[in-house]
Amino acid sequence: MTALTAHFDVPIGPDSPGTSRQAVVDILRVWGYIDDLWVADAAVVVSELVTNAVQHGAGSVTLGIEAYGLHVIISVADGSSVIPRRREPDGRGGRGLLLVEAFTQHWTVEDHQGGKRVRAELQPYPRLEDLHTQAGTGREHP
């Protein structure tokens, strides 16, 4: 199965997480990732990474999706070089990276154009047959 990729700039504002989440869900479904529970987990990861980038990052935010069969990586880049760290949850937050850890195999941070990029590999997609149906047909799932 070939790699599928998508990258786009995220408009900064209060709607950034929701808009990004919906865009990623739509892309994943077009690519054949139609398992509702798995897609919902992916949406949580997108929301948390974009929220962190908007609240704690700097400059523009770019979101990327890479799909390699059962493996999907979500990445979010921003202009801040400050590395995100897990902290104790309180009334202001602190649950985002805990959620990212719960719904991914692992996540990493790398330097990116003077800032950073957080890359999170989702849990493997559970239904290979969905992706075989999509591969090579040029058709979208209904």
Protein backbone atom coordinates (compact mmCIF):
# COMPACT_ATOMS: atom_id res chain seq x y z
CA MET A 1 0.00 0.00 0.00
CA THR A 2 1.39 3.40 -0.90
CA ALA A 3 1.81 6.26 1.51
CA LEU A 4 -0.89 8.90 1.67
CA THR A 5 -0.06 12.38 2.96
CA ALA A 6 -1.80 15.67 3.58
CA HIS A 7 -0.41 18.89 5.05
CA PHE A 8 -2.16 22.19 5.66
CA ASP A 9 -1.89 25.43 7.59
CA VAL A 10 -4.21 25.85 10.55
CA PRO A 11 -5.93 29.23 10.92
CA ILE A 12 -5.18 30.42 14.47
CA GLY A 13 -8.20 31.10 16.65
CA PRO A 14 -10.67 29.56 19.06
CA ASP A 15 -12.06 27.29 16.32
CA SER A 16 -8.65 25.87 15.36
CA PRO A 17 -8.97 22.54 17.21
CA GLY A 18 -12.50 21.83 15.96
CA THR A 19 -11.77 22.84 12.39
CA SER A 20 -8.59 20.75 12.35
CA ARG A 21 -10.34 17.78 13.89
CA GLN A 22 -13.10 17.83 11.26
CA ALA A 23 -10.61 18.20 8.41
CA VAL A 24 -8.57 15.21 9.59
CA VAL A 25 -11.67 13.07 10.15
CA ASP A 26 -12.85 13.86 6.61
CA ILE A 27 -9.44 13.04 5.11
CA LEU A 28 -9.13 9.78 7.02
CA ARG A 29 -12.60 8.66 5.92
CA VAL A 30 -11.85 9.43 2.26
CA TRP A 31 -8.69 7.36 2.59
CA GLY A 32 -10.73 4.39 3.85
CA TYR A 33 -10.22 4.73 7.61
CA ILE A 34 -13.88 4.31 8.51
CA ASP A 35 -13.82 2.57 11.91
CA ASP A 36 -15.78 5.05 14.05
CA LEU A 37 -14.00 4.37 17.35
CA TRP A 38 -10.53 4.55 15.82
CA VAL A 39 -11.39 7.77 13.94
CA ALA A 40 -12.78 9.28 17.18
CA ASP A 41 -9.47 8.51 18.92
CA ALA A 42 -7.58 10.15 16.05
CA ALA A 43 -9.82 13.22 16.41
CA VAL A 44 -8.93 13.52 20.10
CA VAL A 45 -5.21 13.42 19.28
CA VAL A 46 -5.63 16.14 16.62
CA SER A 47 -7.63 18.35 19.01
CA GLU A 48 -5.07 18.05 21.78
CA LEU A 49 -2.01 18.66 19.58
CA VAL A 50 -3.58 21.65 17.83
CA THR A 51 -4.82 23.09 21.13
CA ASN A 52 -1.31 22.85 22.59
CA ALA A 53 0.23 24.47 19.51
CA VAL A 54 -2.29 27.34 19.52
CA GLN A 55 -2.11 27.96 23.29
CA HIS A 56 1.59 27.38 23.95
CA GLY A 57 3.29 27.60 20.57
CA ALA A 58 4.24 30.58 18.48
CA GLY A 59 3.78 31.67 14.90
CA SER A 60 1.91 29.59 12.38
CA VAL A 61 0.63 26.06 12.95
CA THR A 62 0.87 23.33 10.33
CA LEU A 63 -0.92 19.99 10.57
CA GLY A 64 0.15 16.85 8.74
CA ILE A 65 -1.26 13.37 8.24
CA GLU A 66 0.78 10.44 6.96
CA ALA A 67 -0.84 7.06 6.36
CA TYR A 68 1.09 3.86 5.68
CA GLY A 69 -1.51 1.10 5.65
CA LEU A 70 -2.47 0.36 9.24
CA HIS A 71 -0.15 3.08 10.57
CA VAL A 72 -1.10 6.75 10.68
CA ILE A 73 0.99 9.62 12.02
CA ILE A 74 -0.47 12.98 12.98
CA SER A 75 1.99 15.88 13.21
CA VAL A 76 1.57 19.47 14.35
CA ALA A 77 4.31 22.06 13.91
CA ASP A 78 4.56 25.55 15.38
CA GLY A 79 7.19 28.25 15.72
CA SER A 80 8.08 27.68 19.37
CA SER A 81 11.08 25.55 20.30
CA VAL A 82 9.68 24.87 23.79
CA ILE A 83 9.23 21.12 24.21
CA PRO A 84 5.79 20.08 25.51
CA ARG A 85 5.89 18.32 28.85
CA ARG A 86 3.28 16.32 30.67
CA ARG A 87 2.10 18.00 33.87
CA GLU A 88 -0.31 17.28 36.67
CA PRO A 89 -3.88 18.03 35.58
CA ASP A 90 -5.55 20.97 37.28
CA GLY A 91 -8.46 23.32 36.65
CA ARG A 92 -6.61 25.00 33.76
CA GLY A 93 -5.63 21.85 31.87
CA GLY A 94 -2.82 19.33 31.88
CA ARG A 95 -4.75 16.44 30.38
CA GLY A 96 -3.79 16.92 26.73
CA LEU A 97 -0.59 14.90 26.61
CA LEU A 98 -2.16 12.22 28.81
CA LEU A 99 -4.86 11.82 26.16
CA VAL A 100 -2.29 11.82 23.37
CA GLU A 101 -0.39 9.05 25.17
CA ALA A 102 -3.59 7.05 25.67
CA PHE A 103 -4.53 7.05 21.96
CA THR A 104 -1.09 6.66 20.36
CA GLN A 105 1.68 4.10 20.21
CA HIS A 106 4.15 6.89 20.92
CA TRP A 107 4.80 10.56 20.29
CA THR A 108 8.00 12.49 19.69
CA VAL A 109 9.15 16.07 19.27
CA GLU A 110 11.62 17.18 16.62
CA ASP A 111 13.18 20.47 15.55
CA HIS A 112 11.30 22.04 12.68
CA GLN A 113 12.20 25.30 10.93
CA GLY A 114 13.24 27.11 14.12
CA GLY A 115 10.32 25.68 16.08
CA LYS A 116 9.14 22.15 16.76
CA ARG A 117 6.97 19.43 15.31
CA VAL A 118 5.11 16.96 17.51
CA ARG A 119 4.59 13.61 15.76
CA ALA A 120 2.13 11.12 17.19
CA GLU A 121 1.75 7.62 15.77
CA LEU A 122 -1.81 6.45 16.33
CA GLN A 123 -2.67 2.95 17.47
CA PRO A 124 -2.70 0.66 14.40
CA TYR A 125 -5.89 0.78 12.38
CA PRO A 126 -7.93 -2.33 13.31
CA ARG A 127 -9.45 -3.30 9.93
CA LEU A 128 -7.08 -3.91 7.04
CA GLU A 129 -10.02 -4.93 4.80
CA ASP A 130 -11.27 -1.30 4.81
CA LEU A 131 -7.99 -0.14 3.34
CA HIS A 132 -7.78 -2.90 0.71
CA THR A 133 -11.24 -1.95 -0.50
CA GLN A 134 -10.04 1.61 -0.97
CA ALA A 135 -6.60 0.91 -2.44
CA GLY A 136 -6.24 1.29 -6.14
CA THR A 137 -9.92 1.82 -6.92
CA GLY A 138 -9.92 5.58 -7.21
CA ARG A 139 -13.28 5.53 -5.43
CA GLU A 140 -14.26 6.91 -2.07
CA HIS A 141 -16.12 4.95 0.57
CA PRO A 142 -19.77 5.98 0.84
